[in-house]
Amino acid sequence: MRAGKVRAVALAAGLTAVTGREARTEELPGRVRVTAALPERLTEAARRSLLTVLADADRYGHDVTARGAVVWAEIDCGRASTRDVNSCS
């Protein structure tokens, strides 16, 4: 398993643990995006834990929609070969 994918799996596990909601992983060209719905309320300790988990991502953010709040994070994938430049697997 390539490093980007390993990091994404760890990130998904961390988001699931902090939010109590299953994180979703999506492979995109050159990166893996991990998203998780946020509960209505987070304790201060949970907020700190969430930021600690997100710090391992290459970039992250927070979206608020009519259906609730979602946190997302992306992991960039390395280039193992010229044939496989966009794959994280």
PDB file of N, CA and C in Angstrom:
ATOM      1  N   MET A   1       0.852  -1.170   0.000  1.00  0.00           N
ATOM      2  CA  MET A   1       0.000   0.000   0.000  1.00  0.00           C
ATOM      3  C   MET A   1       0.899   1.234   0.000  1.00  0.00           C
ATOM      4  N   ARG A   2       0.607   2.184  -0.845  1.00  0.00           N
ATOM      5  CA  ARG A   2       1.439   3.371  -0.942  1.00  0.00           C
ATOM      6  C   ARG A   2       1.221   4.307   0.237  1.00  0.00           C
ATOM      7  N   ALA A   3       2.197   5.142   0.478  1.00  0.00           N
ATOM      8  CA  ALA A   3       2.196   6.015   1.653  1.00  0.00           C
ATOM      9  C   ALA A   3       0.955   6.908   1.728  1.00  0.00           C
ATOM     10  N   GLY A   4       0.525   7.464   0.595  1.00  0.00           N
ATOM     11  CA  GLY A   4      -0.659   8.329   0.594  1.00  0.00           C
ATOM     12  C   GLY A   4      -1.895   7.591   1.045  1.00  0.00           C
ATOM     13  N   LYS A   5      -2.041   6.367   0.579  1.00  0.00           N
ATOM     14  CA  LYS A   5      -3.199   5.562   0.958  1.00  0.00           C
ATOM     15  C   LYS A   5      -3.136   5.189   2.440  1.00  0.00           C
ATOM     16  N   VAL A   6      -1.963   4.859   2.937  1.00  0.00           N
ATOM     17  CA  VAL A   6      -1.792   4.522   4.352  1.00  0.00           C
ATOM     18  C   VAL A   6      -2.172   5.729   5.212  1.00  0.00           C
ATOM     19  N   ARG A   7      -1.708   6.908   4.836  1.00  0.00           N
ATOM     20  CA  ARG A   7      -2.052   8.127   5.575  1.00  0.00           C
ATOM     21  C   ARG A   7      -3.551   8.387   5.551  1.00  0.00           C
ATOM     22  N   ALA A   8      -4.192   8.139   4.398  1.00  0.00           N
ATOM     23  CA  ALA A   8      -5.635   8.365   4.276  1.00  0.00           C
ATOM     24  C   ALA A   8      -6.423   7.404   5.165  1.00  0.00           C
ATOM     25  N   VAL A   9      -5.995   6.159   5.232  1.00  0.00           N
ATOM     26  CA  VAL A   9      -6.660   5.176   6.099  1.00  0.00           C
ATOM     27  C   VAL A   9      -6.539   5.597   7.561  1.00  0.00           C
ATOM     28  N   ALA A  10      -5.355   6.047   7.957  1.00  0.00           N
ATOM     29  CA  ALA A  10      -5.155   6.506   9.332  1.00  0.00           C
ATOM     30  C   ALA A  10      -6.000   7.746   9.618  1.00  0.00           C
ATOM     31  N   LEU A  11      -6.073   8.640   8.662  1.00  0.00           N
ATOM     32  CA  LEU A  11      -6.873   9.847   8.811  1.00  0.00           C
ATOM     33  C   LEU A  11      -8.353   9.497   8.960  1.00  0.00           C
ATOM     34  N   ALA A  12      -8.836   8.585   8.131  1.00  0.00           N
ATOM     35  CA  ALA A  12     -10.237   8.159   8.215  1.00  0.00           C
ATOM     36  C   ALA A  12     -10.539   7.539   9.577  1.00  0.00           C
ATOM     37  N   ALA A  13      -9.635   6.731  10.072  1.00  0.00           N
ATOM     38  CA  ALA A  13      -9.827   6.107  11.391  1.00  0.00           C
ATOM     39  C   ALA A  13      -9.867   7.174  12.483  1.00  0.00           C
ATOM     40  N   GLY A  14      -8.994   8.153  12.389  1.00  0.00           N
ATOM     41  CA  GLY A  14      -8.973   9.229  13.370  1.00  0.00           C
ATOM     42  C   GLY A  14     -10.242  10.064  13.348  1.00  0.00           C
ATOM     43  N   LEU A  15     -10.727  10.396  12.146  1.00  0.00           N
ATOM     44  CA  LEU A  15     -11.959  11.178  12.037  1.00  0.00           C
ATOM     45  C   LEU A  15     -13.154  10.395  12.567  1.00  0.00           C
ATOM     46  N   THR A  16     -13.190   9.103  12.280  1.00  0.00           N
ATOM     47  CA  THR A  16     -14.271   8.260  12.792  1.00  0.00           C
ATOM     48  C   THR A  16     -14.248   8.241  14.318  1.00  0.00           C
ATOM     49  N   ALA A  17     -13.073   8.095  14.892  1.00  0.00           N
ATOM     50  CA  ALA A  17     -12.948   8.042  16.351  1.00  0.00           C
ATOM     51  C   ALA A  17     -13.386   9.353  17.002  1.00  0.00           C
ATOM     52  N   VAL A  18     -12.998  10.475  16.426  1.00  0.00           N
ATOM     53  CA  VAL A  18     -13.308  11.773  17.025  1.00  0.00           C
ATOM     54  C   VAL A  18     -14.775  12.157  16.841  1.00  0.00           C
ATOM     55  N   THR A  19     -15.318  11.911  15.649  1.00  0.00           N
ATOM     56  CA  THR A  19     -16.680  12.361  15.358  1.00  0.00           C
ATOM     57  C   THR A  19     -17.751  11.352  15.761  1.00  0.00           C
ATOM     58  N   GLY A  20     -17.364  10.087  15.883  1.00  0.00           N
ATOM     59  CA  GLY A  20     -18.355   9.055  16.144  1.00  0.00           C
ATOM     60  C   GLY A  20     -19.171   8.721  14.916  1.00  0.00           C
ATOM     61  N   ARG A  21     -18.770   9.231  13.765  1.00  0.00           N
ATOM     62  CA  ARG A  21     -19.438   8.994  12.482  1.00  0.00           C
ATOM     63  C   ARG A  21     -18.433   8.358  11.530  1.00  0.00           C
ATOM     64  N   GLU A  22     -18.890   7.416  10.739  1.00  0.00           N
ATOM     65  CA  GLU A  22     -17.969   6.755   9.812  1.00  0.00           C
ATOM     66  C   GLU A  22     -17.467   7.731   8.759  1.00  0.00           C
ATOM     67  N   ALA A  23     -16.156   7.792   8.619  1.00  0.00           N
ATOM     68  CA  ALA A  23     -15.537   8.651   7.610  1.00  0.00           C
ATOM     69  C   ALA A  23     -15.617   7.973   6.248  1.00  0.00           C
ATOM     70  N   ARG A  24     -15.766   8.777   5.220  1.00  0.00           N
ATOM     71  CA  ARG A  24     -15.824   8.296   3.842  1.00  0.00           C
ATOM     72  C   ARG A  24     -14.536   8.677   3.128  1.00  0.00           C
ATOM     73  N   THR A  25     -14.011   7.757   2.347  1.00  0.00           N
ATOM     74  CA  THR A  25     -12.775   7.998   1.599  1.00  0.00           C
ATOM     75  C   THR A  25     -13.076   7.961   0.114  1.00  0.00           C
ATOM     76  N   GLU A  26     -12.555   8.951  -0.607  1.00  0.00           N
ATOM     77  CA  GLU A  26     -12.761   9.034  -2.047  1.00  0.00           C
ATOM     78  C   GLU A  26     -11.416   9.269  -2.728  1.00  0.00           C
ATOM     79  N   GLU A  27     -11.076   8.415  -3.674  1.00  0.00           N
ATOM     80  CA  GLU A  27      -9.828   8.590  -4.401  1.00  0.00           C
ATOM     81  C   GLU A  27     -10.071   9.505  -5.595  1.00  0.00           C
ATOM     82  N   LEU A  28      -9.300  10.575  -5.653  1.00  0.00           N
ATOM     83  CA  LEU A  28      -9.374  11.564  -6.718  1.00  0.00           C
ATOM     84  C   LEU A  28      -8.025  11.607  -7.425  1.00  0.00           C
ATOM     85  N   PRO A  29      -7.944  12.235  -8.586  1.00  0.00           N
ATOM     86  CA  PRO A  29      -6.648  12.306  -9.262  1.00  0.00           C
ATOM     87  C   PRO A  29      -5.584  12.964  -8.382  1.00  0.00           C
ATOM     88  N   GLY A  30      -4.569  12.191  -8.037  1.00  0.00           N
ATOM     89  CA  GLY A  30      -3.436  12.711  -7.282  1.00  0.00           C
ATOM     90  C   GLY A  30      -3.640  12.883  -5.796  1.00  0.00           C
ATOM     91  N   ARG A  31      -4.817  12.519  -5.291  1.00  0.00           N
ATOM     92  CA  ARG A  31      -5.063  12.712  -3.862  1.00  0.00           C
ATOM     93  C   ARG A  31      -6.206  11.816  -3.389  1.00  0.00           C
ATOM     94  N   VAL A  32      -6.291  11.676  -2.084  1.00  0.00           N
ATOM     95  CA  VAL A  32      -7.408  10.976  -1.461  1.00  0.00           C
ATOM     96  C   VAL A  32      -8.106  11.976  -0.559  1.00  0.00           C
ATOM     97  N   ARG A  33      -9.428  12.055  -0.671  1.00  0.00           N
ATOM     98  CA  ARG A  33     -10.222  12.954   0.180  1.00  0.00           C
ATOM     99  C   ARG A  33     -10.983  12.119   1.192  1.00  0.00           C
ATOM    100  N   VAL A  34     -10.923  12.539   2.436  1.00  0.00           N
ATOM    101  CA  VAL A  34     -11.627  11.866   3.526  1.00  0.00           C
ATOM    102  C   VAL A  34     -12.626  12.861   4.098  1.00  0.00           C
ATOM    103  N   THR A  35     -13.883  12.453   4.229  1.00  0.00           N
ATOM    104  CA  THR A  35     -14.908  13.325   4.782  1.00  0.00           C
ATOM    105  C   THR A  35     -15.621  12.625   5.931  1.00  0.00           C
ATOM    106  N   ALA A  36     -16.114  13.426   6.868  1.00  0.00           N
ATOM    107  CA  ALA A  36     -16.896  12.887   7.985  1.00  0.00           C
ATOM    108  C   ALA A  36     -17.903  13.942   8.421  1.00  0.00           C
ATOM    109  N   ALA A  37     -19.119  13.504   8.668  1.00  0.00           N
ATOM    110  CA  ALA A  37     -20.140  14.401   9.205  1.00  0.00           C
ATOM    111  C   ALA A  37     -19.785  14.715  10.657  1.00  0.00           C
ATOM    112  N   LEU A  38     -20.015  15.937  11.039  1.00  0.00           N
ATOM    113  CA  LEU A  38     -19.743  16.340  12.414  1.00  0.00           C
ATOM    114  C   LEU A  38     -21.017  16.250  13.248  1.00  0.00           C
ATOM    115  N   PRO A  39     -20.895  15.844  14.496  1.00  0.00           N
ATOM    116  CA  PRO A  39     -22.064  15.870  15.374  1.00  0.00           C
ATOM    117  C   PRO A  39     -22.459  17.327  15.646  1.00  0.00           C
ATOM    118  N   GLU A  40     -23.657  17.531  16.137  1.00  0.00           N
ATOM    119  CA  GLU A  40     -24.115  18.895  16.414  1.00  0.00           C
ATOM    120  C   GLU A  40     -23.223  19.620  17.408  1.00  0.00           C
ATOM    121  N   ARG A  41     -22.723  18.878  18.382  1.00  0.00           N
ATOM    122  CA  ARG A  41     -21.858  19.492  19.402  1.00  0.00           C
ATOM    123  C   ARG A  41     -20.592  18.658  19.586  1.00  0.00           C
ATOM    124  N   LEU A  42     -19.493  19.369  19.751  1.00  0.00           N
ATOM    125  CA  LEU A  42     -18.219  18.730  20.078  1.00  0.00           C
ATOM    126  C   LEU A  42     -17.721  19.343  21.379  1.00  0.00           C
ATOM    127  N   THR A  43     -17.210  18.510  22.248  1.00  0.00           N
ATOM    128  CA  THR A  43     -16.599  19.033  23.466  1.00  0.00           C
ATOM    129  C   THR A  43     -15.294  19.737  23.095  1.00  0.00           C
ATOM    130  N   GLU A  44     -14.764  20.496  23.998  1.00  0.00           N
ATOM    131  CA  GLU A  44     -13.485  21.161  23.756  1.00  0.00           C
ATOM    132  C   GLU A  44     -12.383  20.132  23.512  1.00  0.00           C
ATOM    133  N   ALA A  45     -12.410  19.050  24.270  1.00  0.00           N
ATOM    134  CA  ALA A  45     -11.417  17.985  24.076  1.00  0.00           C
ATOM    135  C   ALA A  45     -11.561  17.355  22.695  1.00  0.00           C
ATOM    136  N   ALA A  46     -12.790  17.162  22.230  1.00  0.00           N
ATOM    137  CA  ALA A  46     -13.017  16.589  20.898  1.00  0.00           C
ATOM    138  C   ALA A  46     -12.550  17.549  19.810  1.00  0.00           C
ATOM    139  N   ARG A  47     -12.751  18.836  20.013  1.00  0.00           N
ATOM    140  CA  ARG A  47     -12.258  19.828  19.029  1.00  0.00           C
ATOM    141  C   ARG A  47     -10.742  19.782  18.911  1.00  0.00           C
ATOM    142  N   ARG A  48     -10.073  19.691  20.055  1.00  0.00           N
ATOM    143  CA  ARG A  48      -8.604  19.604  20.035  1.00  0.00           C
ATOM    144  C   ARG A  48      -8.158  18.321  19.346  1.00  0.00           C
ATOM    145  N   SER A  49      -8.847  17.222  19.637  1.00  0.00           N
ATOM    146  CA  SER A  49      -8.513  15.944  19.001  1.00  0.00           C
ATOM    147  C   SER A  49      -8.738  16.010  17.495  1.00  0.00           C
ATOM    148  N   LEU A  50      -9.817  16.667  17.090  1.00  0.00           N
ATOM    149  CA  LEU A  50     -10.107  16.816  15.661  1.00  0.00           C
ATOM    150  C   LEU A  50      -8.992  17.588  14.969  1.00  0.00           C
ATOM    151  N   LEU A  51      -8.552  18.671  15.569  1.00  0.00           N
ATOM    152  CA  LEU A  51      -7.463  19.452  14.972  1.00  0.00           C
ATOM    153  C   LEU A  51      -6.164  18.659  14.925  1.00  0.00           C
ATOM    154  N   THR A  52      -5.931  17.833  15.908  1.00  0.00           N
ATOM    155  CA  THR A  52      -4.733  16.982  15.903  1.00  0.00           C
ATOM    156  C   THR A  52      -4.790  15.993  14.746  1.00  0.00           C
ATOM    157  N   VAL A  53      -5.954  15.392  14.531  1.00  0.00           N
ATOM    158  CA  VAL A  53      -6.118  14.448  13.411  1.00  0.00           C
ATOM    159  C   VAL A  53      -5.940  15.176  12.082  1.00  0.00           C
ATOM    160  N   LEU A  54      -6.562  16.331  11.936  1.00  0.00           N
ATOM    161  CA  LEU A  54      -6.495  17.082  10.673  1.00  0.00           C
ATOM    162  C   LEU A  54      -5.088  17.585  10.374  1.00  0.00           C
ATOM    163  N   ALA A  55      -4.268  17.786  11.386  1.00  0.00           N
ATOM    164  CA  ALA A  55      -2.906  18.289  11.182  1.00  0.00           C
ATOM    165  C   ALA A  55      -2.066  17.339  10.340  1.00  0.00           C
ATOM    166  N   ASP A  56      -2.454  16.063  10.268  1.00  0.00           N
ATOM    167  CA  ASP A  56      -1.708  15.097   9.461  1.00  0.00           C
ATOM    168  C   ASP A  56      -2.073  15.158   7.979  1.00  0.00           C
ATOM    169  N   ALA A  57      -3.099  15.923   7.630  1.00  0.00           N
ATOM    170  CA  ALA A  57      -3.526  16.041   6.230  1.00  0.00           C
ATOM    171  C   ALA A  57      -2.695  17.092   5.507  1.00  0.00           C
ATOM    172  N   ASP A  58      -2.693  17.011   4.179  1.00  0.00           N
ATOM    173  CA  ASP A  58      -2.005  18.031   3.386  1.00  0.00           C
ATOM    174  C   ASP A  58      -2.840  19.308   3.307  1.00  0.00           C
ATOM    175  N   ARG A  59      -4.154  19.167   3.403  1.00  0.00           N
ATOM    176  CA  ARG A  59      -5.063  20.302   3.483  1.00  0.00           C
ATOM    177  C   ARG A  59      -6.381  19.822   4.070  1.00  0.00           C
ATOM    178  N   TYR A  60      -7.120  20.710   4.675  1.00  0.00           N
ATOM    179  CA  TYR A  60      -8.390  20.318   5.273  1.00  0.00           C
ATOM    180  C   TYR A  60      -9.331  21.515   5.316  1.00  0.00           C
ATOM    181  N   GLY A  61     -10.597  21.221   5.575  1.00  0.00           N
ATOM    182  CA  GLY A  61     -11.581  22.288   5.652  1.00  0.00           C
ATOM    183  C   GLY A  61     -12.858  21.798   6.302  1.00  0.00           C
ATOM    184  N   HIS A  62     -13.829  22.693   6.292  1.00  0.00           N
ATOM    185  CA  HIS A  62     -15.087  22.473   6.993  1.00  0.00           C
ATOM    186  C   HIS A  62     -16.188  23.063   6.122  1.00  0.00           C
ATOM    187  N   ASP A  63     -17.198  22.286   5.811  1.00  0.00           N
ATOM    188  CA  ASP A  63     -18.328  22.764   5.017  1.00  0.00           C
ATOM    189  C   ASP A  63     -19.603  22.655   5.846  1.00  0.00           C
ATOM    190  N   VAL A  64     -20.452  23.668   5.743  1.00  0.00           N
ATOM    191  CA  VAL A  64     -21.751  23.640   6.404  1.00  0.00           C
ATOM    192  C   VAL A  64     -22.807  23.684   5.314  1.00  0.00           C
ATOM    193  N   THR A  65     -23.702  22.692   5.348  1.00  0.00           N
ATOM    194  CA  THR A  65     -24.786  22.614   4.370  1.00  0.00           C
ATOM    195  C   THR A  65     -26.116  22.552   5.121  1.00  0.00           C
ATOM    196  N   ALA A  66     -27.187  22.511   4.383  1.00  0.00           N
ATOM    197  CA  ALA A  66     -28.510  22.378   4.991  1.00  0.00           C
ATOM    198  C   ALA A  66     -28.639  21.054   5.745  1.00  0.00           C
ATOM    199  N   ARG A  67     -27.834  20.071   5.370  1.00  0.00           N
ATOM    200  CA  ARG A  67     -27.895  18.750   6.014  1.00  0.00           C
ATOM    201  C   ARG A  67     -26.966  18.630   7.215  1.00  0.00           C
ATOM    202  N   GLY A  68     -26.166  19.648   7.475  1.00  0.00           N
ATOM    203  CA  GLY A  68     -25.260  19.596   8.619  1.00  0.00           C
ATOM    204  C   GLY A  68     -23.842  19.972   8.237  1.00  0.00           C
ATOM    205  N   ALA A  69     -22.947  19.845   9.189  1.00  0.00           N
ATOM    206  CA  ALA A  69     -21.548  20.211   8.991  1.00  0.00           C
ATOM    207  C   ALA A  69     -20.714  18.974   8.658  1.00  0.00           C
ATOM    208  N   VAL A  70     -19.750  19.185   7.779  1.00  0.00           N
ATOM    209  CA  VAL A  70     -18.856  18.119   7.335  1.00  0.00           C
ATOM    210  C   VAL A  70     -17.423  18.640   7.400  1.00  0.00           C
ATOM    211  N   VAL A  71     -16.530  17.811   7.888  1.00  0.00           N
ATOM    212  CA  VAL A  71     -15.112  18.131   7.865  1.00  0.00           C
ATOM    213  C   VAL A  71     -14.483  17.271   6.775  1.00  0.00           C
ATOM    214  N   TRP A  72     -13.522  17.844   6.048  1.00  0.00           N
ATOM    215  CA  TRP A  72     -12.845  17.087   4.999  1.00  0.00           C
ATOM    216  C   TRP A  72     -11.341  17.317   5.114  1.00  0.00           C
ATOM    217  N   ALA A  73     -10.613  16.341   4.611  1.00  0.00           N
ATOM    218  CA  ALA A  73      -9.149  16.436   4.593  1.00  0.00           C
ATOM    219  C   ALA A  73      -8.640  15.712   3.365  1.00  0.00           C
ATOM    220  N   GLU A  74      -7.539  16.189   2.818  1.00  0.00           N
ATOM    221  CA  GLU A  74      -6.959  15.563   1.636  1.00  0.00           C
ATOM    222  C   GLU A  74      -5.506  15.179   1.886  1.00  0.00           C
ATOM    223  N   ILE A  75      -5.152  14.042   1.319  1.00  0.00           N
ATOM    224  CA  ILE A  75      -3.793  13.522   1.355  1.00  0.00           C
ATOM    225  C   ILE A  75      -3.300  13.451  -0.082  1.00  0.00           C
ATOM    226  N   ASP A  76      -2.166  14.064  -0.370  1.00  0.00           N
ATOM    227  CA  ASP A  76      -1.579  13.977  -1.707  1.00  0.00           C
ATOM    228  C   ASP A  76      -0.891  12.634  -1.867  1.00  0.00           C
ATOM    229  N   CYS A  77      -0.967  12.079  -3.071  1.00  0.00           N
ATOM    230  CA  CYS A  77      -0.327  10.793  -3.354  1.00  0.00           C
ATOM    231  C   CYS A  77       1.001  11.030  -4.059  1.00  0.00           C
ATOM    232  N   GLY A  78       1.976  10.248  -3.691  1.00  0.00           N
ATOM    233  CA  GLY A  78       3.290  10.350  -4.317  1.00  0.00           C
ATOM    234  C   GLY A  78       3.286   9.729  -5.700  1.00  0.00           C
ATOM    235  N   ARG A  79       4.304  10.018  -6.447  1.00  0.00           N
ATOM    236  CA  ARG A  79       4.434   9.477  -7.806  1.00  0.00           C
ATOM    237  C   ARG A  79       5.415   8.322  -7.790  1.00  0.00           C
ATOM    238  N   ALA A  80       4.881   7.116  -7.873  1.00  0.00           N
ATOM    239  CA  ALA A  80       5.735   5.923  -7.851  1.00  0.00           C
ATOM    240  C   ALA A  80       6.358   5.652  -9.215  1.00  0.00           C
ATOM    241  N   SER A  81       5.630   5.938 -10.285  1.00  0.00           N
ATOM    242  CA  SER A  81       6.149   5.708 -11.628  1.00  0.00           C
ATOM    243  C   SER A  81       5.429   6.629 -12.598  1.00  0.00           C
ATOM    244  N   THR A  82       5.934   6.762 -13.803  1.00  0.00           N
ATOM    245  CA  THR A  82       5.283   7.628 -14.788  1.00  0.00           C
ATOM    246  C   THR A  82       3.966   7.034 -15.267  1.00  0.00           C
ATOM    247  N   ARG A  83       3.790   5.719 -15.173  1.00  0.00           N
ATOM    248  CA  ARG A  83       2.518   5.103 -15.576  1.00  0.00           C
ATOM    249  C   ARG A  83       1.440   5.318 -14.542  1.00  0.00           C
ATOM    250  N   ASP A  84       1.802   5.552 -13.324  1.00  0.00           N
ATOM    251  CA  ASP A  84       0.876   5.517 -12.202  1.00  0.00           C
ATOM    252  C   ASP A  84       0.878   6.832 -11.434  1.00  0.00           C
ATOM    253  N   VAL A  85       0.899   7.960 -12.151  1.00  0.00           N
ATOM    254  CA  VAL A  85       1.089   9.243 -11.487  1.00  0.00           C
ATOM    255  C   VAL A  85      -0.123   9.694 -10.672  1.00  0.00           C
ATOM    256  N   ASN A  86      -1.314   9.231 -10.993  1.00  0.00           N
ATOM    257  CA  ASN A  86      -2.500   9.706 -10.295  1.00  0.00           C
ATOM    258  C   ASN A  86      -3.102   8.714  -9.331  1.00  0.00           C
ATOM    259  N   SER A  87      -2.505   7.572  -9.159  1.00  0.00           N
ATOM    260  CA  SER A  87      -3.079   6.541  -8.320  1.00  0.00           C
ATOM    261  C   SER A  87      -2.512   6.580  -6.911  1.00  0.00           C
ATOM    262  N   CYS A  88      -3.377   6.329  -5.950  1.00  0.00           N
ATOM    263  CA  CYS A  88      -2.944   6.269  -4.559  1.00  0.00           C
ATOM    264  C   CYS A  88      -2.923   4.836  -4.062  1.00  0.00           C
ATOM    265  N   SER A  89      -3.310   3.911  -4.888  1.00  0.00           N
ATOM    266  CA  SER A  89      -3.412   2.523  -4.411  1.00  0.00           C
ATOM    267  C   SER A  89      -2.105   1.790  -4.553  1.00  0.00           C
TER     268      SER A  89
END
